[in-house]
Structures are given as structure tokens and as C-alpha cells.
Amino acid sequence: WAIGAVVCPFTDFFARHGRQALWLLVFVGVFRISDLAMASMANP
């Protein structure tokens, strides 16, 4: 259960996307960075 629930979800993603997986994760991390970074200063 632990292998199927914890290990496999992560290895599955990298197995499906190969070397492109890291770039996809970078994209996920930066897509909203512009509007989230400015959010704290809008009301001020």
C-alpha cells in the first residue's frame, strides 16, 4: 500500500514525461508567480 500510494505517484509522473518532467514542474511553479508575487501589495 505504501509503495502504491506514496512512491508510485511520483515515479509515474517522471516515467511518463521523462526528461521533460522537471521542466513541467518548473512551469507549474512559475505560471502563477507573477500575480501571486504582487498580491500582497495591491491593497496597500
All heavy atoms as atom14 arrays in JSON, in Angstrom:
{
  "sequence": "WAIGAVVCPFTDFFARHGRQALWLLVFVGVFRISDLAMASMANP",
  "atom14_mask": [
    [1, 1, 1, 1, 1, 1, 1, 1, 1, 1, 1, 1, 1, 1],
    [1, 1, 1, 1, 1, 0, 0, 0, 0, 0, 0, 0, 0, 0],
    [1, 1, 1, 1, 1, 1, 1, 1, 0, 0, 0, 0, 0, 0],
    [1, 1, 1, 1, 0, 0, 0, 0, 0, 0, 0, 0, 0, 0],
    [1, 1, 1, 1, 1, 0, 0, 0, 0, 0, 0, 0, 0, 0],
    [1, 1, 1, 1, 1, 1, 1, 0, 0, 0, 0, 0, 0, 0],
    [1, 1, 1, 1, 1, 1, 1, 0, 0, 0, 0, 0, 0, 0],
    [1, 1, 1, 1, 1, 1, 0, 0, 0, 0, 0, 0, 0, 0],
    [1, 1, 1, 1, 1, 1, 1, 0, 0, 0, 0, 0, 0, 0],
    [1, 1, 1, 1, 1, 1, 1, 1, 1, 1, 1, 0, 0, 0],
    [1, 1, 1, 1, 1, 1, 1, 0, 0, 0, 0, 0, 0, 0],
    [1, 1, 1, 1, 1, 1, 1, 1, 0, 0, 0, 0, 0, 0],
    [1, 1, 1, 1, 1, 1, 1, 1, 1, 1, 1, 0, 0, 0],
    [1, 1, 1, 1, 1, 1, 1, 1, 1, 1, 1, 0, 0, 0],
    [1, 1, 1, 1, 1, 0, 0, 0, 0, 0, 0, 0, 0, 0],
    [1, 1, 1, 1, 1, 1, 1, 1, 1, 1, 1, 0, 0, 0],
    [1, 1, 1, 1, 1, 1, 1, 1, 1, 1, 0, 0, 0, 0],
    [1, 1, 1, 1, 0, 0, 0, 0, 0, 0, 0, 0, 0, 0],
    [1, 1, 1, 1, 1, 1, 1, 1, 1, 1, 1, 0, 0, 0],
    [1, 1, 1, 1, 1, 1, 1, 1, 1, 0, 0, 0, 0, 0],
    [1, 1, 1, 1, 1, 0, 0, 0, 0, 0, 0, 0, 0, 0],
    [1, 1, 1, 1, 1, 1, 1, 1, 0, 0, 0, 0, 0, 0],
    [1, 1, 1, 1, 1, 1, 1, 1, 1, 1, 1, 1, 1, 1],
    [1, 1, 1, 1, 1, 1, 1, 1, 0, 0, 0, 0, 0, 0],
    [1, 1, 1, 1, 1, 1, 1, 1, 0, 0, 0, 0, 0, 0],
    [1, 1, 1, 1, 1, 1, 1, 0, 0, 0, 0, 0, 0, 0],
    [1, 1, 1, 1, 1, 1, 1, 1, 1, 1, 1, 0, 0, 0],
    [1, 1, 1, 1, 1, 1, 1, 0, 0, 0, 0, 0, 0, 0],
    [1, 1, 1, 1, 0, 0, 0, 0, 0, 0, 0, 0, 0, 0],
    [1, 1, 1, 1, 1, 1, 1, 0, 0, 0, 0, 0, 0, 0],
    [1, 1, 1, 1, 1, 1, 1, 1, 1, 1, 1, 0, 0, 0],
    [1, 1, 1, 1, 1, 1, 1, 1, 1, 1, 1, 0, 0, 0],
    [1, 1, 1, 1, 1, 1, 1, 1, 0, 0, 0, 0, 0, 0],
    [1, 1, 1, 1, 1, 1, 0, 0, 0, 0, 0, 0, 0, 0],
    [1, 1, 1, 1, 1, 1, 1, 1, 0, 0, 0, 0, 0, 0],
    [1, 1, 1, 1, 1, 1, 1, 1, 0, 0, 0, 0, 0, 0],
    [1, 1, 1, 1, 1, 0, 0, 0, 0, 0, 0, 0, 0, 0],
    [1, 1, 1, 1, 1, 1, 1, 1, 0, 0, 0, 0, 0, 0],
    [1, 1, 1, 1, 1, 0, 0, 0, 0, 0, 0, 0, 0, 0],
    [1, 1, 1, 1, 1, 1, 0, 0, 0, 0, 0, 0, 0, 0],
    [1, 1, 1, 1, 1, 1, 1, 1, 0, 0, 0, 0, 0, 0],
    [1, 1, 1, 1, 1, 0, 0, 0, 0, 0, 0, 0, 0, 0],
    [1, 1, 1, 1, 1, 1, 1, 1, 0, 0, 0, 0, 0, 0],
    [1, 1, 1, 1, 1, 1, 1, 0, 0, 0, 0, 0, 0, 0]
  ],
  "atom14_positions": [
    [[0.84, -1.21, 0.0], [0.0, 0.0, 0.0], [0.87, 1.25, 0.0], [0.61, 2.2, -0.74], [-0.91, -0.01, 1.22], [-1.85, 1.17, 1.26], [-3.09, 1.25, 0.71], [-1.59, 2.47, 1.84], [-3.62, 2.5, 0.94], [-2.73, 3.27, 1.62], [-0.5, 3.0, 2.53], [-2.81, 4.58, 2.08], [-0.58, 4.33, 2.98], [-1.73, 5.09, 2.75]],
    [[1.91, 1.27, 0.85], [2.77, 2.45, 0.95], [3.48, 2.73, -0.38], [3.58, 3.88, -0.82], [3.79, 2.26, 2.06], [0.0, 0.0, 0.0], [0.0, 0.0, 0.0], [0.0, 0.0, 0.0], [0.0, 0.0, 0.0], [0.0, 0.0, 0.0], [0.0, 0.0, 0.0], [0.0, 0.0, 0.0], [0.0, 0.0, 0.0], [0.0, 0.0, 0.0]],
    [[3.97, 1.68, -1.03], [4.64, 1.86, -2.32], [3.66, 2.38, -3.36], [3.96, 3.32, -4.11], [5.28, 0.54, -2.78], [6.44, 0.15, -1.86], [5.77, 0.64, -4.23], [6.98, -1.23, -2.09], [0.0, 0.0, 0.0], [0.0, 0.0, 0.0], [0.0, 0.0, 0.0], [0.0, 0.0, 0.0], [0.0, 0.0, 0.0], [0.0, 0.0, 0.0]],
    [[2.46, 1.78, -3.41], [1.47, 2.21, -4.38], [0.93, 3.6, -4.12], [0.63, 4.34, -5.06], [0.0, 0.0, 0.0], [0.0, 0.0, 0.0], [0.0, 0.0, 0.0], [0.0, 0.0, 0.0], [0.0, 0.0, 0.0], [0.0, 0.0, 0.0], [0.0, 0.0, 0.0], [0.0, 0.0, 0.0], [0.0, 0.0, 0.0], [0.0, 0.0, 0.0]],
    [[0.83, 3.98, -2.84], [0.23, 5.28, -2.5], [1.22, 6.43, -2.49], [0.86, 7.56, -2.83], [-0.45, 5.19, -1.13], [0.0, 0.0, 0.0], [0.0, 0.0, 0.0], [0.0, 0.0, 0.0], [0.0, 0.0, 0.0], [0.0, 0.0, 0.0], [0.0, 0.0, 0.0], [0.0, 0.0, 0.0], [0.0, 0.0, 0.0], [0.0, 0.0, 0.0]],
    [[2.47, 6.16, -2.11], [3.44, 7.24, -1.93], [4.51, 7.26, -3.02], [4.8, 8.3, -3.61], [4.1, 7.13, -0.53], [5.12, 8.25, -0.34], [3.05, 7.15, 0.57], [0.0, 0.0, 0.0], [0.0, 0.0, 0.0], [0.0, 0.0, 0.0], [0.0, 0.0, 0.0], [0.0, 0.0, 0.0], [0.0, 0.0, 0.0], [0.0, 0.0, 0.0]],
    [[5.1, 6.11, -3.3], [6.22, 6.07, -4.25], [5.75, 6.15, -5.7], [6.25, 6.96, -6.49], [7.06, 4.79, -4.03], [8.18, 4.7, -5.06], [7.62, 4.75, -2.61], [0.0, 0.0, 0.0], [0.0, 0.0, 0.0], [0.0, 0.0, 0.0], [0.0, 0.0, 0.0], [0.0, 0.0, 0.0], [0.0, 0.0, 0.0], [0.0, 0.0, 0.0]],
    [[4.78, 5.33, -6.04], [4.35, 5.21, -7.44], [3.81, 6.5, -8.05], [4.06, 6.77, -9.23], [3.33, 4.09, -7.59], [4.05, 2.45, -7.36], [0.0, 0.0, 0.0], [0.0, 0.0, 0.0], [0.0, 0.0, 0.0], [0.0, 0.0, 0.0], [0.0, 0.0, 0.0], [0.0, 0.0, 0.0], [0.0, 0.0, 0.0], [0.0, 0.0, 0.0]],
    [[3.03, 7.34, -7.31], [2.56, 8.58, -7.94], [3.68, 9.47, -8.46], [3.53, 10.12, -9.5], [1.79, 9.26, -6.79], [1.33, 8.15, -5.93], [2.44, 7.14, -5.98], [0.0, 0.0, 0.0], [0.0, 0.0, 0.0], [0.0, 0.0, 0.0], [0.0, 0.0, 0.0], [0.0, 0.0, 0.0], [0.0, 0.0, 0.0], [0.0, 0.0, 0.0]],
    [[4.8, 9.49, -7.74], [5.91, 10.34, -8.16], [6.73, 9.7, -9.29], [7.1, 10.37, -10.26], [6.8, 10.66, -6.96], [6.07, 11.42, -5.88], [5.55, 10.77, -4.78], [5.88, 12.78, -5.99], [4.86, 11.46, -3.79], [5.21, 13.49, -5.02], [4.69, 12.82, -3.91], [0.0, 0.0, 0.0], [0.0, 0.0, 0.0], [0.0, 0.0, 0.0]],
    [[7.0, 8.4, -9.15], [7.75, 7.72, -10.21], [6.94, 7.65, -11.5], [7.5, 7.69, -12.59], [8.15, 6.32, -9.76], [6.98, 5.57, -9.39], [9.1, 6.38, -8.58], [0.0, 0.0, 0.0], [0.0, 0.0, 0.0], [0.0, 0.0, 0.0], [0.0, 0.0, 0.0], [0.0, 0.0, 0.0], [0.0, 0.0, 0.0], [0.0, 0.0, 0.0]],
    [[5.6, 7.54, -11.38], [4.73, 7.51, -12.56], [4.87, 8.79, -13.38], [4.97, 8.75, -14.6], [3.28, 7.31, -12.13], [2.29, 7.6, -13.25], [2.07, 6.73, -14.11], [1.74, 8.73, -13.27], [0.0, 0.0, 0.0], [0.0, 0.0, 0.0], [0.0, 0.0, 0.0], [0.0, 0.0, 0.0], [0.0, 0.0, 0.0], [0.0, 0.0, 0.0]],
    [[4.87, 9.94, -12.69], [4.97, 11.22, -13.4], [6.27, 11.32, -14.17], [6.29, 11.71, -15.35], [4.85, 12.37, -12.4], [5.01, 13.73, -13.02], [3.99, 14.28, -13.78], [6.19, 14.44, -12.87], [4.15, 15.54, -14.37], [6.35, 15.69, -13.45], [5.33, 16.23, -14.21], [0.0, 0.0, 0.0], [0.0, 0.0, 0.0], [0.0, 0.0, 0.0]],
    [[7.38, 10.95, -13.54], [8.68, 11.05, -14.21], [8.82, 9.99, -15.3], [9.47, 10.22, -16.32], [9.8, 10.92, -13.19], [10.01, 12.17, -12.38], [9.38, 12.32, -11.16], [10.82, 13.19, -12.84], [9.56, 13.48, -10.41], [11.0, 14.35, -12.11], [10.37, 14.5, -10.88], [0.0, 0.0, 0.0], [0.0, 0.0, 0.0], [0.0, 0.0, 0.0]],
    [[8.18, 8.83, -15.11], [8.25, 7.8, -16.14], [7.48, 8.22, -17.38], [7.89, 7.95, -18.51], [7.68, 6.49, -15.58], [0.0, 0.0, 0.0], [0.0, 0.0, 0.0], [0.0, 0.0, 0.0], [0.0, 0.0, 0.0], [0.0, 0.0, 0.0], [0.0, 0.0, 0.0], [0.0, 0.0, 0.0], [0.0, 0.0, 0.0], [0.0, 0.0, 0.0]],
    [[6.35, 8.89, -17.19], [5.53, 9.3, -18.33], [6.14, 10.46, -19.1], [5.98, 10.56, -20.32], [4.12, 9.69, -17.87], [3.24, 8.51, -17.54], [1.8, 8.91, -17.26], [1.67, 9.7, -16.04], [1.25, 10.95, -16.0], [0.94, 11.59, -17.12], [1.13, 11.6, -14.85], [0.0, 0.0, 0.0], [0.0, 0.0, 0.0], [0.0, 0.0, 0.0]],
    [[6.84, 11.36, -18.42], [7.33, 12.57, -19.08], [8.84, 12.63, -19.25], [9.34, 13.54, -19.92], [6.85, 13.8, -18.31], [5.36, 13.95, -18.28], [4.62, 14.28, -19.4], [4.46, 13.77, -17.28], [3.34, 14.33, -19.07], [3.22, 14.01, -17.81], [0.0, 0.0, 0.0], [0.0, 0.0, 0.0], [0.0, 0.0, 0.0], [0.0, 0.0, 0.0]],
    [[9.56, 11.67, -18.66], [11.0, 11.61, -18.87], [11.72, 12.87, -18.48], [11.44, 13.48, -17.45], [0.0, 0.0, 0.0], [0.0, 0.0, 0.0], [0.0, 0.0, 0.0], [0.0, 0.0, 0.0], [0.0, 0.0, 0.0], [0.0, 0.0, 0.0], [0.0, 0.0, 0.0], [0.0, 0.0, 0.0], [0.0, 0.0, 0.0], [0.0, 0.0, 0.0]],
    [[12.66, 13.28, -19.34], [13.48, 14.46, -19.03], [12.67, 15.75, -19.02], [13.08, 16.74, -18.42], [14.61, 14.59, -20.06], [15.69, 13.53, -19.91], [16.75, 13.67, -21.0], [16.19, 13.48, -22.33], [16.88, 13.61, -23.46], [18.17, 13.94, -23.4], [16.31, 13.4, -24.62], [0.0, 0.0, 0.0], [0.0, 0.0, 0.0], [0.0, 0.0, 0.0]],
    [[11.52, 15.73, -19.69], [10.68, 16.92, -19.71], [9.94, 17.14, -18.39], [9.39, 18.22, -18.17], [9.67, 16.81, -20.85], [10.32, 16.76, -22.23], [9.34, 16.37, -23.32], [8.33, 15.72, -23.05], [9.62, 16.77, -24.54], [0.0, 0.0, 0.0], [0.0, 0.0, 0.0], [0.0, 0.0, 0.0], [0.0, 0.0, 0.0], [0.0, 0.0, 0.0]],
    [[9.92, 16.14, -17.51], [9.17, 16.24, -16.26], [9.65, 17.41, -15.41], [8.84, 18.14, -14.83], [9.28, 14.93, -15.48], [0.0, 0.0, 0.0], [0.0, 0.0, 0.0], [0.0, 0.0, 0.0], [0.0, 0.0, 0.0], [0.0, 0.0, 0.0], [0.0, 0.0, 0.0], [0.0, 0.0, 0.0], [0.0, 0.0, 0.0], [0.0, 0.0, 0.0]],
    [[10.98, 17.6, -15.32], [11.5, 18.69, -14.49], [11.08, 20.06, -15.03], [10.73, 20.95, -14.26], [13.03, 18.6, -14.41], [13.57, 17.47, -13.53], [15.09, 17.43, -13.62], [13.13, 17.64, -12.08], [0.0, 0.0, 0.0], [0.0, 0.0, 0.0], [0.0, 0.0, 0.0], [0.0, 0.0, 0.0], [0.0, 0.0, 0.0], [0.0, 0.0, 0.0]],
    [[11.08, 20.21, -16.36], [10.65, 21.47, -16.94], [9.16, 21.71, -16.71], [8.74, 22.85, -16.49], [10.97, 21.51, -18.44], [12.42, 21.71, -18.73], [13.29, 20.8, -19.26], [13.17, 22.9, -18.49], [14.54, 21.35, -19.36], [14.5, 22.64, -18.9], [12.85, 24.15, -17.97], [15.5, 23.59, -18.81], [13.86, 25.11, -17.86], [15.17, 24.82, -18.29]],
    [[8.39, 20.64, -16.74], [6.96, 20.78, -16.45], [6.75, 21.24, -15.01], [5.89, 22.09, -14.74], [6.24, 19.45, -16.7], [6.08, 19.05, -18.17], [5.54, 17.62, -18.26], [5.13, 20.0, -18.88], [0.0, 0.0, 0.0], [0.0, 0.0, 0.0], [0.0, 0.0, 0.0], [0.0, 0.0, 0.0], [0.0, 0.0, 0.0], [0.0, 0.0, 0.0]],
    [[7.52, 20.68, -14.08], [7.4, 21.09, -12.69], [7.83, 22.55, -12.51], [7.24, 23.29, -11.72], [8.22, 20.17, -11.79], [7.7, 18.73, -11.66], [8.66, 17.9, -10.82], [6.3, 18.7, -11.05], [0.0, 0.0, 0.0], [0.0, 0.0, 0.0], [0.0, 0.0, 0.0], [0.0, 0.0, 0.0], [0.0, 0.0, 0.0], [0.0, 0.0, 0.0]],
    [[8.87, 22.95, -13.23], [9.29, 24.36, -13.18], [8.16, 25.26, -13.69], [7.85, 26.3, -13.09], [10.57, 24.58, -14.02], [10.86, 26.08, -14.17], [11.74, 23.87, -13.38], [0.0, 0.0, 0.0], [0.0, 0.0, 0.0], [0.0, 0.0, 0.0], [0.0, 0.0, 0.0], [0.0, 0.0, 0.0], [0.0, 0.0, 0.0], [0.0, 0.0, 0.0]],
    [[7.52, 24.84, -14.77], [6.42, 25.62, -15.32], [5.27, 25.73, -14.32], [4.68, 26.81, -14.16], [5.93, 24.98, -16.63], [4.76, 25.69, -17.24], [4.86, 27.01, -17.66], [3.54, 25.04, -17.4], [3.78, 27.67, -18.22], [2.46, 25.68, -17.96], [2.57, 27.01, -18.37], [0.0, 0.0, 0.0], [0.0, 0.0, 0.0], [0.0, 0.0, 0.0]],
    [[4.94, 24.63, -13.66], [3.88, 24.65, -12.65], [4.22, 25.65, -11.56], [3.36, 26.39, -11.07], [3.67, 23.24, -12.06], [2.73, 23.3, -10.85], [3.1, 22.29, -13.11], [0.0, 0.0, 0.0], [0.0, 0.0, 0.0], [0.0, 0.0, 0.0], [0.0, 0.0, 0.0], [0.0, 0.0, 0.0], [0.0, 0.0, 0.0], [0.0, 0.0, 0.0]],
    [[5.5, 25.7, -11.17], [5.91, 26.61, -10.11], [5.94, 28.07, -10.49], [5.77, 28.94, -9.63], [0.0, 0.0, 0.0], [0.0, 0.0, 0.0], [0.0, 0.0, 0.0], [0.0, 0.0, 0.0], [0.0, 0.0, 0.0], [0.0, 0.0, 0.0], [0.0, 0.0, 0.0], [0.0, 0.0, 0.0], [0.0, 0.0, 0.0], [0.0, 0.0, 0.0]],
    [[6.14, 28.39, -11.78], [6.29, 29.79, -12.18], [5.06, 30.37, -12.87], [5.0, 31.59, -13.07], [7.52, 29.98, -13.11], [8.79, 29.5, -12.42], [7.32, 29.27, -14.45], [0.0, 0.0, 0.0], [0.0, 0.0, 0.0], [0.0, 0.0, 0.0], [0.0, 0.0, 0.0], [0.0, 0.0, 0.0], [0.0, 0.0, 0.0], [0.0, 0.0, 0.0]],
    [[4.08, 29.53, -13.23], [2.95, 30.06, -14.02], [2.21, 31.16, -13.27], [1.84, 32.18, -13.86], [1.99, 28.93, -14.38], [0.87, 29.37, -15.29], [1.08, 29.49, -16.64], [-0.39, 29.66, -14.78], [0.07, 29.91, -17.5], [-1.42, 30.08, -15.62], [-1.18, 30.2, -16.99], [0.0, 0.0, 0.0], [0.0, 0.0, 0.0], [0.0, 0.0, 0.0]],
    [[1.97, 30.98, -11.97], [1.22, 31.98, -11.2], [2.13, 32.91, -10.4], [1.63, 33.7, -9.59], [0.26, 31.27, -10.24], [-0.82, 30.42, -10.9], [-1.83, 31.26, -11.67], [-2.4, 32.31, -10.86], [-3.43, 32.13, -10.02], [-3.98, 30.94, -9.89], [-3.91, 33.15, -9.32], [0.0, 0.0, 0.0], [0.0, 0.0, 0.0], [0.0, 0.0, 0.0]],
    [[3.42, 32.85, -10.62], [4.34, 33.59, -9.77], [4.18, 35.09, -9.92], [4.34, 35.86, -8.96], [5.81, 33.16, -10.06], [6.71, 33.54, -8.89], [6.32, 33.74, -11.38], [8.1, 32.94, -8.98], [0.0, 0.0, 0.0], [0.0, 0.0, 0.0], [0.0, 0.0, 0.0], [0.0, 0.0, 0.0], [0.0, 0.0, 0.0], [0.0, 0.0, 0.0]],
    [[3.82, 35.56, -11.11], [3.71, 36.99, -11.37], [2.57, 37.61, -10.57], [2.75, 38.6, -9.85], [3.5, 37.25, -12.87], [3.36, 38.63, -13.11], [0.0, 0.0, 0.0], [0.0, 0.0, 0.0], [0.0, 0.0, 0.0], [0.0, 0.0, 0.0], [0.0, 0.0, 0.0], [0.0, 0.0, 0.0], [0.0, 0.0, 0.0], [0.0, 0.0, 0.0]],
    [[1.36, 37.03, -10.65], [0.23, 37.64, -9.95], [0.25, 37.33, -8.45], [-0.21, 38.14, -7.64], [-1.11, 37.19, -10.57], [-1.27, 35.68, -10.62], [-0.47, 35.03, -11.3], [-2.21, 35.17, -9.98], [0.0, 0.0, 0.0], [0.0, 0.0, 0.0], [0.0, 0.0, 0.0], [0.0, 0.0, 0.0], [0.0, 0.0, 0.0], [0.0, 0.0, 0.0]],
    [[0.81, 36.18, -8.04], [0.88, 35.89, -6.6], [1.93, 36.77, -5.91], [1.74, 37.17, -4.76], [1.22, 34.41, -6.38], [0.12, 33.4, -6.69], [0.64, 31.98, -6.54], [-1.09, 33.62, -5.79], [0.0, 0.0, 0.0], [0.0, 0.0, 0.0], [0.0, 0.0, 0.0], [0.0, 0.0, 0.0], [0.0, 0.0, 0.0], [0.0, 0.0, 0.0]],
    [[3.02, 37.07, -6.6], [4.08, 37.88, -6.0], [3.61, 39.31, -5.73], [4.06, 39.95, -4.78], [5.31, 37.89, -6.9], [0.0, 0.0, 0.0], [0.0, 0.0, 0.0], [0.0, 0.0, 0.0], [0.0, 0.0, 0.0], [0.0, 0.0, 0.0], [0.0, 0.0, 0.0], [0.0, 0.0, 0.0], [0.0, 0.0, 0.0], [0.0, 0.0, 0.0]],
    [[2.69, 39.83, -6.57], [2.25, 41.21, -6.38], [1.03, 41.33, -5.47], [0.64, 42.42, -5.08], [1.93, 41.85, -7.74], [0.89, 41.13, -8.6], [-0.86, 41.26, -8.12], [-1.16, 42.99, -8.33], [0.0, 0.0, 0.0], [0.0, 0.0, 0.0], [0.0, 0.0, 0.0], [0.0, 0.0, 0.0], [0.0, 0.0, 0.0], [0.0, 0.0, 0.0]],
    [[0.42, 40.21, -5.13], [-0.87, 40.25, -4.43], [-0.79, 40.98, -3.1], [-1.74, 41.69, -2.72], [-1.39, 38.82, -4.23], [0.0, 0.0, 0.0], [0.0, 0.0, 0.0], [0.0, 0.0, 0.0], [0.0, 0.0, 0.0], [0.0, 0.0, 0.0], [0.0, 0.0, 0.0], [0.0, 0.0, 0.0], [0.0, 0.0, 0.0], [0.0, 0.0, 0.0]],
    [[0.31, 40.84, -2.38], [0.4, 41.43, -1.04], [0.43, 42.96, -1.07], [0.14, 43.62, -0.06], [1.65, 40.91, -0.32], [2.82, 41.31, -1.0], [0.0, 0.0, 0.0], [0.0, 0.0, 0.0], [0.0, 0.0, 0.0], [0.0, 0.0, 0.0], [0.0, 0.0, 0.0], [0.0, 0.0, 0.0], [0.0, 0.0, 0.0], [0.0, 0.0, 0.0]],
    [[0.79, 43.55, -2.21], [0.93, 44.99, -2.29], [-0.25, 45.68, -3.0], [-0.24, 46.91, -3.13], [2.23, 45.35, -3.02], [3.49, 45.07, -2.21], [3.61, 46.08, -0.7], [3.16, 44.88, 0.55], [0.0, 0.0, 0.0], [0.0, 0.0, 0.0], [0.0, 0.0, 0.0], [0.0, 0.0, 0.0], [0.0, 0.0, 0.0], [0.0, 0.0, 0.0]],
    [[-1.25, 44.93, -3.43], [-2.37, 45.55, -4.12], [-3.18, 46.45, -3.2], [-3.39, 47.64, -3.49], [-3.25, 44.47, -4.74], [0.0, 0.0, 0.0], [0.0, 0.0, 0.0], [0.0, 0.0, 0.0], [0.0, 0.0, 0.0], [0.0, 0.0, 0.0], [0.0, 0.0, 0.0], [0.0, 0.0, 0.0], [0.0, 0.0, 0.0], [0.0, 0.0, 0.0]],
    [[-3.65, 45.91, -2.06], [-4.45, 46.72, -1.14], [-3.66, 47.89, -0.56], [-4.2, 49.01, -0.46], [-5.01, 45.84, -0.02], [-6.26, 45.1, -0.46], [-6.97, 45.54, -1.37], [-6.55, 43.98, 0.17], [0.0, 0.0, 0.0], [0.0, 0.0, 0.0], [0.0, 0.0, 0.0], [0.0, 0.0, 0.0], [0.0, 0.0, 0.0], [0.0, 0.0, 0.0]],
    [[-2.39, 47.71, -0.14], [-1.62, 48.88, 0.3], [-1.53, 49.97, -0.77], [-1.56, 51.16, -0.45], [-0.24, 48.29, 0.61], [-0.54, 46.89, 1.03], [-1.67, 46.46, 0.13], [0.0, 0.0, 0.0], [0.0, 0.0, 0.0], [0.0, 0.0, 0.0], [0.0, 0.0, 0.0], [0.0, 0.0, 0.0], [0.0, 0.0, 0.0], [0.0, 0.0, 0.0]]
  ]
}
